[in-house]
């Protein structure tokens, strides 16, 4: 640190005899001593005080040795070694006892200590943000290869297992998840995609107690803790000032009510930047006594990419929603029955013993060391057969391709690697994606309905078997459907009871069925039961938006 001086004038403190200390201009000495990273286990205050007293006695024994910069240098060293406010008071008392008011009174000395402490803290924070790359340089290719070789004996059996994804599903189910095969697969591969330049960012939706957060959290337990950051709440700028690395990690935001409530919140905007740009660039101001204005601009860059996962009971705002891959959990009576039976097995002590997840953690550490990129030779064939019916398909299809890449990287020991070090995906990887994304894209476009919408529409169809005996006379009501279908008067609570999905889920399902054109509500007064008319039946034969894997060629290229 270069030797520079900055004068700091401090007011004196009146003593008990109502005389005043001398007002002395202190000079802050900037030494070459770097601030230490204090972890709560610094040097003991008693030891630091003993050192300070020894230094003060040395000044007393040699005339003209002590100077203002000497005092500030002593303060700087004590602060860097973790000195507390109590130590500050004791050292100030010792200086005043030895030199009276030569260096000012208690207020001036205390102010000097505080000023140096703030400067040390600011420089340490800056070093933590800007100097991490210097302290922990990226691993070289040789170092990564050596670490992979060390981990290989532990993970080789799992990495080469032909039923690897099936093992993932069984492992997650063994630690408390019932069914949810598709969601487990989605979350596991989305978390694995953190090593890609553009990870997958799922938003999992469903009613309260539907199991969305539980399943996601259990699946993420198969990943090392250093790769996953769990959040239930957060301050607006926590992502900016957290000193933990973000790059190639998973951020799991549970029950994201804040993101539903305000799309313009700072936290929402930072998440969007991480997802879209792969980094956060935040500019702020900090105190700087050397600046003409007393403050300086500081630019904080937090590098990604990061896999963001969100669970919610409702829809996110459009700015957030379009950047995520939307997936709905099953809310059927069959799934509820299965969950109840699983809870009973756990209560009876007949569920499986707790599993050792160490091998899964080592497996993901092994994957993170590379290769971390993949290619899909048959991607042009898939793209050519997807109808461009919605703008958001631009992002969803990108997630589809990244999902295929993540599957290839997961199965890299069973795949070829090209001359550029990229894993080559196969149709087997696409088959995994097809089972999930054909559902996701169909629901997004309205070509396929959720289980709850199907239950509600089927219920209304059953109750509307007879023509209406008293059609609506409200001239502002919506038109009835083309078929001779009577109005069905039911509330959300009644529909929830009859279908077994509950009042809230029933309300959302009715609104979705109306928006998709399956039902018409002739009731316009709020708070009244629905007066539903069937507009069209659900077409189970609706075509999928993705080409079937059997129609693609492994040789790649457009068809």
Protein backbone atom coordinates (compact mmCIF):
# COMPACT_ATOMS: atom_id res chain seq x y z
CA UNK A 1 0.00 0.00 0.00
CA UNK A 2 1.64 3.29 -1.04
CA UNK A 3 2.59 5.79 1.70
CA UNK A 4 0.19 8.68 1.45
CA UNK A 5 -1.16 11.09 4.05
CA UNK A 6 -4.62 12.49 4.61
CA UNK A 7 -5.26 14.95 7.36
CA UNK A 8 -8.12 14.31 9.70
CA UNK A 9 -9.11 17.02 12.17
CA UNK A 10 -10.95 15.87 15.25
CA UNK A 11 -12.69 17.92 17.92
CA UNK A 12 -11.31 17.66 21.40
CA UNK A 13 -13.20 16.32 24.36
CA UNK A 14 -13.58 18.49 27.50
CA UNK A 15 -12.26 16.84 30.64
CA UNK A 16 -13.85 16.85 34.07
CA UNK A 17 -12.07 20.11 35.09
CA UNK A 18 -13.78 21.91 32.18
CA UNK A 19 -10.45 22.50 30.44
CA UNK A 20 -10.07 21.47 26.83
CA UNK A 21 -7.68 19.10 25.17
CA UNK A 22 -5.58 20.43 22.35
CA UNK A 23 -7.20 20.20 18.95
CA UNK A 24 -4.66 18.20 16.97
CA UNK A 25 -4.71 17.43 13.24
CA UNK A 26 -4.21 13.69 12.94
CA UNK A 27 -2.56 12.13 9.93
CA UNK A 28 -3.82 8.75 8.79
CA UNK A 29 -0.85 6.55 7.96
CA UNK A 30 -1.46 3.94 5.31
CA UNK A 31 0.97 1.09 5.79
CA UNK A 32 1.85 -1.95 3.75
CA UNK A 33 0.05 -4.16 6.25
CA UNK A 34 -2.95 -5.80 4.55
CA UNK A 35 -6.19 -6.22 6.53
CA UNK A 36 -6.57 -9.74 7.81
CA UNK A 37 -9.71 -11.75 7.18
CA UNK A 38 -11.21 -11.87 10.65
CA UNK A 39 -13.19 -15.04 11.26
CA UNK A 40 -14.04 -14.55 14.91
CA UNK A 41 -10.87 -16.35 16.04
CA UNK A 42 -8.43 -13.39 15.90
CA UNK A 43 -5.75 -12.48 18.41
CA UNK A 44 -7.03 -12.17 21.97
CA UNK A 45 -7.67 -8.61 23.20
CA UNK A 46 -5.41 -9.13 26.22
CA UNK A 47 -2.51 -10.07 23.96
CA UNK A 48 -3.18 -7.08 21.70
CA UNK A 49 -3.36 -4.74 24.70
CA UNK A 50 -0.08 -6.09 26.02
CA UNK A 51 1.50 -5.43 22.62
CA UNK A 52 0.08 -1.89 22.52
CA UNK A 53 1.26 -1.04 26.03
CA UNK A 54 4.75 -2.32 25.18
CA UNK A 55 4.80 -0.05 22.11
CA UNK A 56 3.63 2.96 24.14
CA UNK A 57 6.32 2.34 26.78
CA UNK A 58 8.90 2.18 23.99
CA UNK A 59 7.74 5.59 22.77
CA UNK A 60 8.10 7.01 26.31
CA UNK A 61 11.64 5.68 26.71
CA UNK A 62 12.96 7.24 23.51
CA UNK A 63 12.34 11.01 23.22
CA UNK A 64 10.78 12.27 19.99
CA UNK A 65 10.07 8.68 18.78
CA UNK A 66 6.30 8.92 18.96
CA UNK A 67 4.49 10.73 16.15
CA UNK A 68 0.91 10.99 14.98
CA UNK A 69 1.56 8.50 12.23
CA UNK A 70 2.99 6.07 14.80
CA UNK A 71 -0.27 6.14 16.75
CA UNK A 72 -2.30 5.59 13.62
CA UNK A 73 -0.02 2.77 12.52
CA UNK A 74 -0.54 1.09 15.90
CA UNK A 75 -4.32 1.48 15.58
CA UNK A 76 -4.21 0.04 12.07
CA UNK A 77 -2.29 -3.06 13.17
CA UNK A 78 -4.57 -3.68 16.16
CA UNK A 79 -7.69 -3.34 13.99
CA UNK A 80 -6.30 -5.70 11.35
CA UNK A 81 -5.66 -8.28 14.07
CA UNK A 82 -9.30 -8.16 15.20
CA UNK A 83 -9.16 -5.62 18.00
CA UNK A 84 -12.51 -4.88 19.64
CA UNK A 85 -14.08 -1.62 20.82
CA UNK A 86 -13.15 -2.54 24.38
CA UNK A 87 -9.52 -2.81 23.28
CA UNK A 88 -9.84 0.61 21.63
CA UNK A 89 -10.93 2.19 24.91
CA UNK A 90 -8.10 0.55 26.85
CA UNK A 91 -5.46 1.61 24.31
CA UNK A 92 -6.77 5.18 24.23
CA UNK A 93 -6.62 5.29 28.02
CA UNK A 94 -3.03 4.03 27.93
CA UNK A 95 -1.98 6.68 25.38
CA UNK A 96 -3.59 9.50 27.38
CA UNK A 97 -2.00 8.21 30.59
CA UNK A 98 1.43 8.22 28.91
CA UNK A 99 1.25 11.42 26.83
CA UNK A 100 -1.69 13.36 28.27
CA UNK A 101 -3.29 15.33 25.41
CA UNK A 102 -0.30 15.36 23.06
CA UNK A 103 -2.32 13.35 20.52
CA UNK A 104 -5.71 14.77 21.45
CA UNK A 105 -8.39 13.66 23.88
CA UNK A 106 -10.49 10.53 24.04
CA UNK A 107 -12.90 11.75 21.39
CA UNK A 108 -10.16 12.55 18.89
CA UNK A 109 -8.33 9.27 19.45
CA UNK A 110 -11.56 7.30 19.40
CA UNK A 111 -12.58 9.03 16.16
CA UNK A 112 -9.25 8.16 14.60
CA UNK A 113 -9.70 4.49 15.54
CA UNK A 114 -13.23 4.46 14.08
CA UNK A 115 -12.10 6.10 10.86
CA UNK A 116 -9.28 3.59 10.37
CA UNK A 117 -11.62 0.69 11.23
CA UNK A 118 -14.09 1.80 8.56
CA UNK A 119 -11.29 2.15 6.01
CA UNK A 120 -9.98 -1.33 6.83
CA UNK A 121 -13.47 -2.85 6.58
CA UNK A 122 -14.13 -1.14 3.23
CA UNK A 123 -10.82 -2.31 1.77
CA UNK A 124 -11.39 -5.84 3.02
CA UNK A 125 -14.86 -5.92 1.43
CA UNK A 126 -13.42 -4.61 -1.82
CA UNK A 127 -10.67 -7.23 -1.72
CA UNK A 128 -13.25 -9.94 -1.07
CA UNK A 129 -15.23 -8.89 -4.14
CA UNK A 130 -12.36 -8.17 -6.52
CA UNK A 131 -9.55 -10.33 -5.24
CA UNK A 132 -11.18 -13.75 -5.11
CA UNK A 133 -9.85 -14.66 -8.52
CA UNK A 134 -6.32 -13.81 -7.39
CA UNK A 135 -6.66 -15.78 -4.16
CA UNK A 136 -8.35 -18.78 -5.78
CA UNK A 137 -7.30 -18.91 -9.42
CA UNK A 138 -9.31 -21.19 -11.73
CA UNK A 139 -8.17 -24.77 -11.92
CA UNK A 140 -6.06 -25.67 -14.91
CA UNK A 141 -7.06 -28.52 -17.21
CA UNK A 142 -4.34 -30.66 -15.67
CA UNK A 143 -5.57 -29.96 -12.14
CA UNK A 144 -9.16 -30.78 -13.11
CA UNK A 145 -8.05 -34.05 -14.70
CA UNK A 146 -6.13 -34.98 -11.58
CA UNK A 147 -9.13 -34.27 -9.34
CA UNK A 148 -11.41 -36.28 -11.65
CA UNK A 149 -9.01 -39.19 -11.46
CA UNK A 150 -9.04 -39.01 -7.66
CA UNK A 151 -12.86 -39.10 -7.58
CA UNK A 152 -13.28 -41.74 -10.26
CA UNK A 153 -12.90 -44.85 -8.03
CA UNK A 154 -15.73 -43.53 -5.84
CA UNK A 155 -18.16 -42.67 -8.63
CA UNK A 156 -17.29 -45.03 -11.50
CA UNK A 157 -20.04 -47.56 -10.75
CA UNK A 158 -22.71 -44.86 -10.56
CA UNK A 159 -21.41 -42.91 -13.58
CA UNK A 160 -21.50 -46.01 -15.78
CA UNK A 161 -24.89 -47.30 -14.61
CA UNK A 162 -27.25 -47.71 -17.59
CA UNK A 163 -30.20 -46.95 -15.29
CA UNK A 164 -28.60 -43.81 -13.83
CA UNK A 165 -31.71 -41.60 -13.96
CA UNK A 166 -33.85 -44.40 -12.58
CA UNK A 167 -31.44 -44.58 -9.65
CA UNK A 168 -31.85 -40.85 -9.14
CA UNK A 169 -35.63 -41.23 -8.95
CA UNK A 170 -35.44 -44.20 -6.55
CA UNK A 171 -32.93 -42.41 -4.35
CA UNK A 172 -35.10 -39.30 -4.00
CA UNK A 173 -38.19 -41.41 -3.36
CA UNK A 174 -36.29 -43.29 -0.64
CA UNK A 175 -35.78 -40.07 1.32
CA UNK A 176 -39.42 -39.10 1.52
CA UNK A 177 -40.89 -38.29 -1.91
CA UNK A 178 -43.91 -40.18 -3.21
CA UNK A 179 -44.08 -40.71 -6.98
CA UNK A 180 -43.28 -37.39 -8.79
CA UNK A 181 -40.99 -39.14 -11.26
CA UNK A 182 -41.14 -36.36 -13.86
CA UNK A 183 -40.53 -33.57 -11.34
CA UNK A 184 -37.56 -35.39 -9.80
CA UNK A 185 -36.04 -35.89 -13.26
CA UNK A 186 -36.64 -32.25 -14.20
CA UNK A 187 -35.09 -30.85 -11.01
CA UNK A 188 -32.09 -33.18 -11.07
CA UNK A 189 -31.19 -32.44 -14.68
CA UNK A 190 -31.92 -28.72 -14.25
CA UNK A 191 -29.50 -28.64 -11.31
CA UNK A 192 -26.95 -30.60 -13.34
CA UNK A 193 -27.32 -28.00 -16.12
CA UNK A 194 -25.69 -25.46 -13.80
CA UNK A 195 -22.37 -26.37 -15.48
CA UNK A 196 -23.68 -25.12 -18.85
CA UNK A 197 -23.47 -21.55 -20.07
CA UNK A 198 -27.29 -21.36 -20.05
CA UNK A 199 -28.77 -23.49 -17.26
CA UNK A 200 -32.43 -24.53 -17.01
CA UNK A 201 -34.59 -22.44 -14.66
CA UNK A 202 -37.78 -24.29 -13.63
CA UNK A 203 -40.69 -22.72 -11.77
CA UNK A 204 -42.74 -25.45 -10.08
CA UNK A 205 -46.39 -24.59 -9.47
CA UNK A 206 -49.11 -26.20 -7.42
CA UNK A 207 -51.45 -25.82 -4.50
CA UNK A 208 -50.20 -25.42 -0.95
CA UNK A 209 -49.16 -28.80 0.50
CA UNK A 210 -48.90 -30.16 -3.05
CA UNK A 211 -45.33 -31.32 -2.49
CA UNK A 212 -43.57 -29.00 -4.94
CA UNK A 213 -41.08 -27.53 -2.45
CA UNK A 214 -40.61 -30.85 -0.64
CA UNK A 215 -39.80 -32.72 -3.85
CA UNK A 216 -37.46 -30.01 -5.11
CA UNK A 217 -35.60 -29.78 -1.81
CA UNK A 218 -35.22 -33.56 -1.48
CA UNK A 219 -33.89 -33.83 -5.03
CA UNK A 220 -31.33 -31.09 -4.39
CA UNK A 221 -30.05 -33.06 -1.40
CA UNK A 222 -28.24 -35.22 -3.97
CA UNK A 223 -26.01 -32.22 -4.70
CA UNK A 224 -23.09 -31.03 -2.53
CA UNK A 225 -24.02 -28.14 -0.21
CA UNK A 226 -21.48 -25.84 -1.90
CA UNK A 227 -23.49 -26.07 -5.12
CA UNK A 228 -26.93 -25.15 -3.70
CA UNK A 229 -28.17 -21.97 -2.03
CA UNK A 230 -31.59 -22.30 -0.32
CA UNK A 231 -33.72 -19.18 0.21
CA UNK A 232 -37.07 -18.78 1.93
CA UNK A 233 -36.70 -14.99 2.12
CA UNK A 234 -34.06 -12.47 1.16
CA UNK A 235 -33.24 -8.79 1.34
CA UNK A 236 -33.22 -6.94 -1.95
CA UNK A 237 -29.44 -6.78 -2.47
CA UNK A 238 -28.32 -9.98 -0.79
CA UNK A 239 -27.32 -11.47 -4.15
CA UNK A 240 -25.02 -8.49 -4.72
CA UNK A 241 -23.19 -8.45 -1.38
CA UNK A 242 -22.99 -12.17 -0.62
CA UNK A 243 -19.31 -13.17 -0.82
CA UNK A 244 -20.09 -16.76 -1.77
CA UNK A 245 -19.56 -17.54 -5.49
CA UNK A 246 -22.66 -17.74 -7.66
CA UNK A 247 -21.20 -19.19 -10.85
CA UNK A 248 -22.41 -22.70 -11.71
CA UNK A 249 -24.54 -23.07 -8.58
CA UNK A 250 -28.25 -23.59 -7.90
CA UNK A 251 -30.44 -20.94 -6.26
CA UNK A 252 -33.64 -22.42 -4.84
CA UNK A 253 -36.29 -19.83 -3.89
CA UNK A 254 -39.12 -21.51 -1.97
CA UNK A 255 -42.70 -20.21 -2.12
CA UNK A 256 -41.77 -17.07 -4.05
CA UNK A 257 -44.64 -14.82 -2.98
CA UNK A 258 -42.42 -11.74 -3.34
CA UNK A 259 -41.87 -12.50 -7.02
CA UNK A 260 -45.64 -12.84 -7.49
CA UNK A 261 -46.37 -9.58 -5.72
CA UNK A 262 -43.88 -7.24 -7.40
CA UNK A 263 -42.12 -7.88 -10.67
CA UNK A 264 -40.23 -4.60 -10.29
CA UNK A 265 -38.66 -5.42 -6.92
CA UNK A 266 -34.87 -5.26 -6.82
CA UNK A 267 -34.64 -8.97 -6.02
CA UNK A 268 -36.80 -9.84 -9.06
CA UNK A 269 -34.69 -7.68 -11.34
CA UNK A 270 -31.47 -9.24 -10.07
CA UNK A 271 -32.87 -12.73 -10.69
CA UNK A 272 -33.85 -11.74 -14.22
CA UNK A 273 -30.32 -10.46 -14.84
CA UNK A 274 -28.82 -13.71 -13.58
CA UNK A 275 -31.11 -15.78 -15.80
CA UNK A 276 -30.91 -13.68 -18.97
CA UNK A 277 -27.42 -12.20 -18.81
CA UNK A 278 -25.65 -14.74 -16.61
CA UNK A 279 -24.31 -12.03 -14.30
CA UNK A 280 -25.23 -9.13 -12.02
CA UNK A 281 -23.67 -5.70 -12.52
CA UNK A 282 -24.54 -3.39 -9.61
CA UNK A 283 -23.25 0.17 -9.20
CA UNK A 284 -23.37 1.92 -5.85
CA UNK A 285 -21.52 4.60 -3.85
CA UNK A 286 -19.31 4.15 -0.79
CA UNK A 287 -17.54 6.53 1.58
CA UNK A 288 -14.13 7.73 0.42
CA UNK A 289 -12.38 10.51 2.38
CA UNK A 290 -9.90 10.95 -0.46
CA UNK A 291 -12.65 11.86 -2.90
CA UNK A 292 -13.66 15.45 -3.52
CA UNK A 293 -17.28 14.60 -2.72
CA UNK A 294 -16.50 12.22 0.14
CA UNK A 295 -17.89 9.26 -1.81
CA UNK A 296 -16.87 7.20 -4.80
CA UNK A 297 -18.69 4.98 -7.26
CA UNK A 298 -18.10 1.25 -6.86
CA UNK A 299 -19.06 -1.32 -9.49
CA UNK A 300 -19.84 -4.82 -8.21
CA UNK A 301 -19.97 -7.68 -10.68
CA UNK A 302 -21.36 -11.08 -9.65
CA UNK A 303 -20.66 -13.67 -12.28
CA UNK A 304 -23.00 -16.54 -13.15
CA UNK A 305 -24.43 -18.50 -14.80
CA UNK A 306 -26.77 -19.93 -12.19
CA UNK A 307 -29.69 -22.37 -12.23
CA UNK A 308 -32.65 -20.64 -10.56
CA UNK A 309 -35.46 -22.80 -9.18
CA UNK A 310 -38.69 -21.38 -7.81
CA UNK A 311 -41.78 -22.93 -6.25
CA UNK A 312 -45.05 -21.00 -6.07
CA UNK A 313 -48.78 -21.47 -5.62
CA UNK A 314 -49.70 -19.14 -8.47
CA UNK A 315 -48.41 -17.43 -11.58
CA UNK A 316 -45.35 -15.21 -11.62
CA UNK A 317 -45.45 -11.85 -13.33
CA UNK A 318 -44.85 -12.04 -17.07
CA UNK A 319 -41.31 -10.61 -16.89
CA UNK A 320 -40.30 -13.43 -14.55
CA UNK A 321 -42.59 -16.13 -15.95
CA UNK A 322 -41.27 -16.02 -19.50
CA UNK A 323 -37.71 -16.58 -18.30
CA UNK A 324 -38.64 -19.76 -16.42
CA UNK A 325 -39.73 -23.22 -17.48
CA UNK A 326 -43.21 -23.74 -16.04
CA UNK A 327 -44.10 -27.15 -14.55
CA UNK A 328 -47.18 -28.14 -12.53
CA UNK A 329 -47.19 -30.88 -9.92
CA UNK A 330 -49.86 -33.55 -9.87
CA UNK A 331 -52.84 -32.67 -7.66
CA UNK A 332 -54.99 -35.74 -8.36
CA UNK A 333 -56.76 -37.77 -5.72
CA UNK A 334 -54.54 -40.75 -6.59
CA UNK A 335 -51.40 -38.73 -5.75
CA UNK A 336 -52.97 -37.48 -2.52
CA UNK A 337 -53.80 -41.07 -1.53
CA UNK A 338 -50.22 -42.15 -2.30
CA UNK A 339 -48.81 -39.33 -0.16
CA UNK A 340 -51.08 -40.25 2.77
CA UNK A 341 -49.96 -43.87 2.55
CA UNK A 342 -46.33 -42.74 2.48
CA UNK A 343 -46.84 -40.66 5.62
CA UNK A 344 -48.45 -43.67 7.29
CA UNK A 345 -45.47 -45.89 6.37
CA UNK A 346 -43.08 -43.35 7.87
CA UNK A 347 -45.15 -43.08 11.05
CA UNK A 348 -45.24 -46.87 11.36
CA UNK A 349 -41.49 -47.09 10.91
CA UNK A 350 -41.73 -49.24 7.79
CA UNK A 351 -40.17 -46.70 5.41
CA UNK A 352 -36.60 -47.05 4.18
CA UNK A 353 -33.60 -46.14 6.33
CA UNK A 354 -31.81 -42.84 5.79
CA UNK A 355 -29.47 -43.03 2.82
CA UNK A 356 -25.82 -42.05 2.60
CA UNK A 357 -25.71 -39.37 -0.09
CA UNK A 358 -21.91 -38.94 -0.13
CA UNK A 359 -21.51 -40.82 -3.42
CA UNK A 360 -24.08 -38.58 -5.09
CA UNK A 361 -22.22 -35.49 -3.88
CA UNK A 362 -18.90 -36.83 -5.20
CA UNK A 363 -20.58 -37.67 -8.50
CA UNK A 364 -21.69 -34.05 -8.99
CA UNK A 365 -18.24 -32.79 -8.00
CA UNK A 366 -16.81 -35.10 -10.64
CA UNK A 367 -19.25 -33.76 -13.27
CA UNK A 368 -18.35 -30.15 -12.40
CA UNK A 369 -14.71 -30.81 -13.36
CA UNK A 370 -15.67 -31.31 -17.02
CA UNK A 371 -16.46 -31.73 -19.77
CA UNK A 372 -19.17 -29.11 -19.28
CA UNK A 373 -20.50 -28.67 -22.80
CA UNK A 374 -22.43 -30.88 -25.20
CA UNK A 375 -23.73 -30.87 -28.77
CA UNK A 376 -26.99 -32.19 -30.23
CA UNK A 377 -26.47 -33.36 -33.83
CA UNK A 378 -30.20 -33.84 -34.41
CA UNK A 379 -31.27 -30.44 -32.98
CA UNK A 380 -32.17 -29.02 -36.45
CA UNK A 381 -34.61 -31.92 -36.97
CA UNK A 382 -36.38 -31.09 -33.69
CA UNK A 383 -36.54 -27.36 -34.44
CA UNK A 384 -37.96 -27.93 -37.93
CA UNK A 385 -40.96 -29.83 -36.52
CA UNK A 386 -41.92 -27.44 -33.69
CA UNK A 387 -44.69 -25.01 -34.75
CA UNK A 388 -43.73 -21.38 -33.97
CA UNK A 389 -47.10 -20.73 -32.35
CA UNK A 390 -45.94 -18.79 -29.27
CA UNK A 391 -43.18 -16.21 -28.73
CA UNK A 392 -42.18 -17.79 -25.42
CA UNK A 393 -41.24 -20.98 -27.31
CA UNK A 394 -38.01 -19.13 -28.12
CA UNK A 395 -36.97 -19.62 -24.50
CA UNK A 396 -38.72 -22.94 -23.87
CA UNK A 397 -37.08 -24.63 -26.84
CA UNK A 398 -33.74 -23.32 -25.63
CA UNK A 399 -34.46 -24.98 -22.29
CA UNK A 400 -35.33 -28.19 -24.15
CA UNK A 401 -31.92 -28.24 -25.86
CA UNK A 402 -30.12 -27.46 -22.59
CA UNK A 403 -32.05 -30.28 -20.92
CA UNK A 404 -30.82 -32.69 -23.60
CA UNK A 405 -27.25 -31.42 -23.08
CA UNK A 406 -27.53 -31.88 -19.31
CA UNK A 407 -28.67 -35.48 -19.83
CA UNK A 408 -25.70 -36.10 -22.12
CA UNK A 409 -23.25 -34.65 -19.58
CA UNK A 410 -24.85 -36.75 -16.84
CA UNK A 411 -24.33 -39.87 -18.96
CA UNK A 412 -20.96 -38.77 -20.39
CA UNK A 413 -19.27 -42.12 -19.72
CA UNK A 414 -21.87 -43.68 -22.01
CA UNK A 415 -21.58 -41.04 -24.74
CA UNK A 416 -18.95 -40.05 -27.28
CA UNK A 417 -16.85 -36.89 -26.96
CA UNK A 418 -16.01 -34.94 -30.12
CA UNK A 419 -12.64 -33.48 -31.06
CA UNK A 420 -13.54 -30.22 -29.27
CA UNK A 421 -14.12 -31.97 -25.95
CA UNK A 422 -17.94 -31.76 -26.13
CA UNK A 423 -20.19 -34.64 -25.14
CA UNK A 424 -22.34 -35.79 -28.06
CA UNK A 425 -26.02 -36.22 -27.12
CA UNK A 426 -28.03 -39.18 -28.41
CA UNK A 427 -31.71 -39.86 -29.02
CA UNK A 428 -31.79 -41.49 -25.57
CA UNK A 429 -31.22 -38.04 -24.07
CA UNK A 430 -34.02 -36.66 -26.21
CA UNK A 431 -36.39 -39.40 -25.05
CA UNK A 432 -35.90 -38.25 -21.47
CA UNK A 433 -36.64 -34.68 -22.48
CA UNK A 434 -39.58 -35.64 -24.71
CA UNK A 435 -41.61 -37.14 -21.85
CA UNK A 436 -41.36 -33.91 -19.86
CA UNK A 437 -41.23 -31.16 -22.47
CA UNK A 438 -44.07 -32.47 -24.61
CA UNK A 439 -46.26 -31.92 -21.55
CA UNK A 440 -44.71 -28.55 -20.66
CA UNK A 441 -45.02 -27.08 -24.15
CA UNK A 442 -48.54 -28.43 -24.64
CA UNK A 443 -49.74 -26.92 -21.35
CA UNK A 444 -48.03 -23.61 -22.13
CA UNK A 445 -49.75 -23.38 -25.52
CA UNK A 446 -53.11 -24.70 -24.31
CA UNK A 447 -52.87 -27.89 -26.38
CA UNK A 448 -52.88 -29.98 -23.21
CA UNK A 449 -54.67 -29.33 -19.94
CA UNK A 450 -53.58 -30.03 -16.40
CA UNK A 451 -55.08 -32.86 -14.37
CA UNK A 452 -57.16 -30.42 -12.33
CA UNK A 453 -58.62 -28.69 -15.39
CA UNK A 454 -59.56 -32.08 -16.78
CA UNK A 455 -61.30 -33.04 -13.51
CA UNK A 456 -63.27 -29.80 -13.42
CA UNK A 457 -64.36 -29.94 -17.05
CA UNK A 458 -65.38 -33.59 -16.71
CA UNK A 459 -67.42 -32.69 -13.63
CA UNK A 460 -69.27 -29.90 -15.42
CA UNK A 461 -69.90 -32.16 -18.43
CA UNK A 462 -71.51 -34.76 -16.13
CA UNK A 463 -73.73 -32.17 -14.42
CA UNK A 464 -74.74 -30.59 -17.72
CA UNK A 465 -76.22 -33.75 -19.23
CA UNK A 466 -79.72 -32.23 -19.40
CA UNK A 467 -80.70 -29.01 -21.25
CA UNK A 468 -81.08 -25.96 -19.05
CA UNK A 469 -84.62 -25.46 -17.73
CA UNK A 470 -84.08 -21.83 -16.83
CA UNK A 471 -81.58 -20.16 -19.09
CA UNK A 472 -79.91 -16.98 -17.95
CA UNK A 473 -81.85 -13.79 -18.65
CA UNK A 474 -78.83 -11.59 -18.02
CA UNK A 475 -78.14 -9.71 -21.22
CA UNK A 476 -74.55 -9.12 -20.19
CA UNK A 477 -73.83 -12.82 -19.65
CA UNK A 478 -71.41 -14.68 -21.86
CA UNK A 479 -72.89 -16.67 -24.68
CA UNK A 480 -73.56 -20.32 -24.05
CA UNK A 481 -71.71 -23.03 -25.90
CA UNK A 482 -72.92 -24.38 -29.21
CA UNK A 483 -74.11 -27.64 -27.72
CA UNK A 484 -77.42 -27.99 -25.88
CA UNK A 485 -75.75 -27.80 -22.50
CA UNK A 486 -77.42 -26.52 -19.33
CA UNK A 487 -75.89 -24.18 -16.81
CA UNK A 488 -74.20 -25.82 -13.83
CA UNK A 489 -74.37 -23.67 -10.70
CA UNK A 490 -71.53 -24.58 -8.35
CA UNK A 491 -69.13 -22.66 -6.11
CA UNK A 492 -65.36 -23.19 -5.98
CA UNK A 493 -65.78 -24.93 -2.64
CA UNK A 494 -68.40 -27.32 -4.03
CA UNK A 495 -66.26 -28.10 -7.09
CA UNK A 496 -63.24 -28.65 -4.87
CA UNK A 497 -65.19 -31.07 -2.70
CA UNK A 498 -66.67 -33.00 -5.60
CA UNK A 499 -63.33 -33.35 -7.38
CA UNK A 500 -61.26 -33.76 -4.22
CA UNK A 501 -58.76 -31.05 -5.13
CA UNK A 502 -59.84 -28.38 -2.66
CA UNK A 503 -61.32 -24.91 -3.00
CA UNK A 504 -58.20 -22.97 -4.08
CA UNK A 505 -57.12 -25.54 -6.69
CA UNK A 506 -60.68 -25.71 -7.99
CA UNK A 507 -60.81 -21.92 -8.40
CA UNK A 508 -57.56 -21.91 -10.40
CA UNK A 509 -58.72 -24.86 -12.52
CA UNK A 510 -62.05 -23.17 -13.37
CA UNK A 511 -60.26 -19.96 -14.37
CA UNK A 512 -57.86 -21.95 -16.57
CA UNK A 513 -60.74 -23.89 -18.18
CA UNK A 514 -62.49 -20.61 -18.99
CA UNK A 515 -59.31 -19.03 -20.40
CA UNK A 516 -58.67 -22.13 -22.54
CA UNK A 517 -62.20 -21.99 -23.94
CA UNK A 518 -63.58 -25.20 -22.40
CA UNK A 519 -66.11 -23.48 -20.11
CA UNK A 520 -68.16 -20.28 -20.07
CA UNK A 521 -69.21 -18.56 -16.84
CA UNK A 522 -72.59 -16.81 -17.16
CA UNK A 523 -72.32 -15.30 -13.68
CA UNK A 524 -70.90 -11.77 -13.70
CA UNK A 525 -71.51 -10.79 -10.07
CA UNK A 526 -68.43 -11.30 -7.87
CA UNK A 527 -68.78 -13.60 -4.90
CA UNK A 528 -71.55 -15.65 -6.47
CA UNK A 529 -71.32 -19.34 -7.45
CA UNK A 530 -70.28 -20.05 -11.02
CA UNK A 531 -72.97 -20.57 -13.68
CA UNK A 532 -70.88 -22.73 -15.97
CA UNK A 533 -71.67 -23.91 -19.48
CA UNK A 534 -69.59 -26.40 -21.43
CA UNK A 535 -68.25 -24.70 -24.55
CA UNK A 536 -66.13 -27.55 -25.90
CA UNK A 537 -64.92 -30.92 -24.73
CA UNK A 538 -61.29 -31.70 -24.06
CA UNK A 539 -59.68 -33.32 -27.06
CA UNK A 540 -57.48 -36.14 -25.81
CA UNK A 541 -56.15 -36.66 -29.30
CA UNK A 542 -54.47 -33.26 -29.47
CA UNK A 543 -51.16 -33.55 -31.29
CA UNK A 544 -47.93 -33.10 -29.39
CA UNK A 545 -45.81 -30.08 -30.28
CA UNK A 546 -42.59 -32.09 -30.28
CA UNK A 547 -41.55 -34.72 -32.84
CA UNK A 548 -41.52 -38.25 -31.48
CA UNK A 549 -37.99 -39.61 -30.95
CA UNK A 550 -38.69 -42.46 -33.37
CA UNK A 551 -39.12 -39.95 -36.21
CA UNK A 552 -35.62 -38.49 -35.84
CA UNK A 553 -32.35 -39.60 -37.35
CA UNK A 554 -29.21 -39.98 -35.25
CA UNK A 555 -27.12 -38.56 -38.08
CA UNK A 556 -28.29 -35.02 -37.37
CA UNK A 557 -29.05 -32.19 -39.74
CA UNK A 558 -32.40 -30.89 -40.91
CA UNK A 559 -34.84 -33.46 -42.28
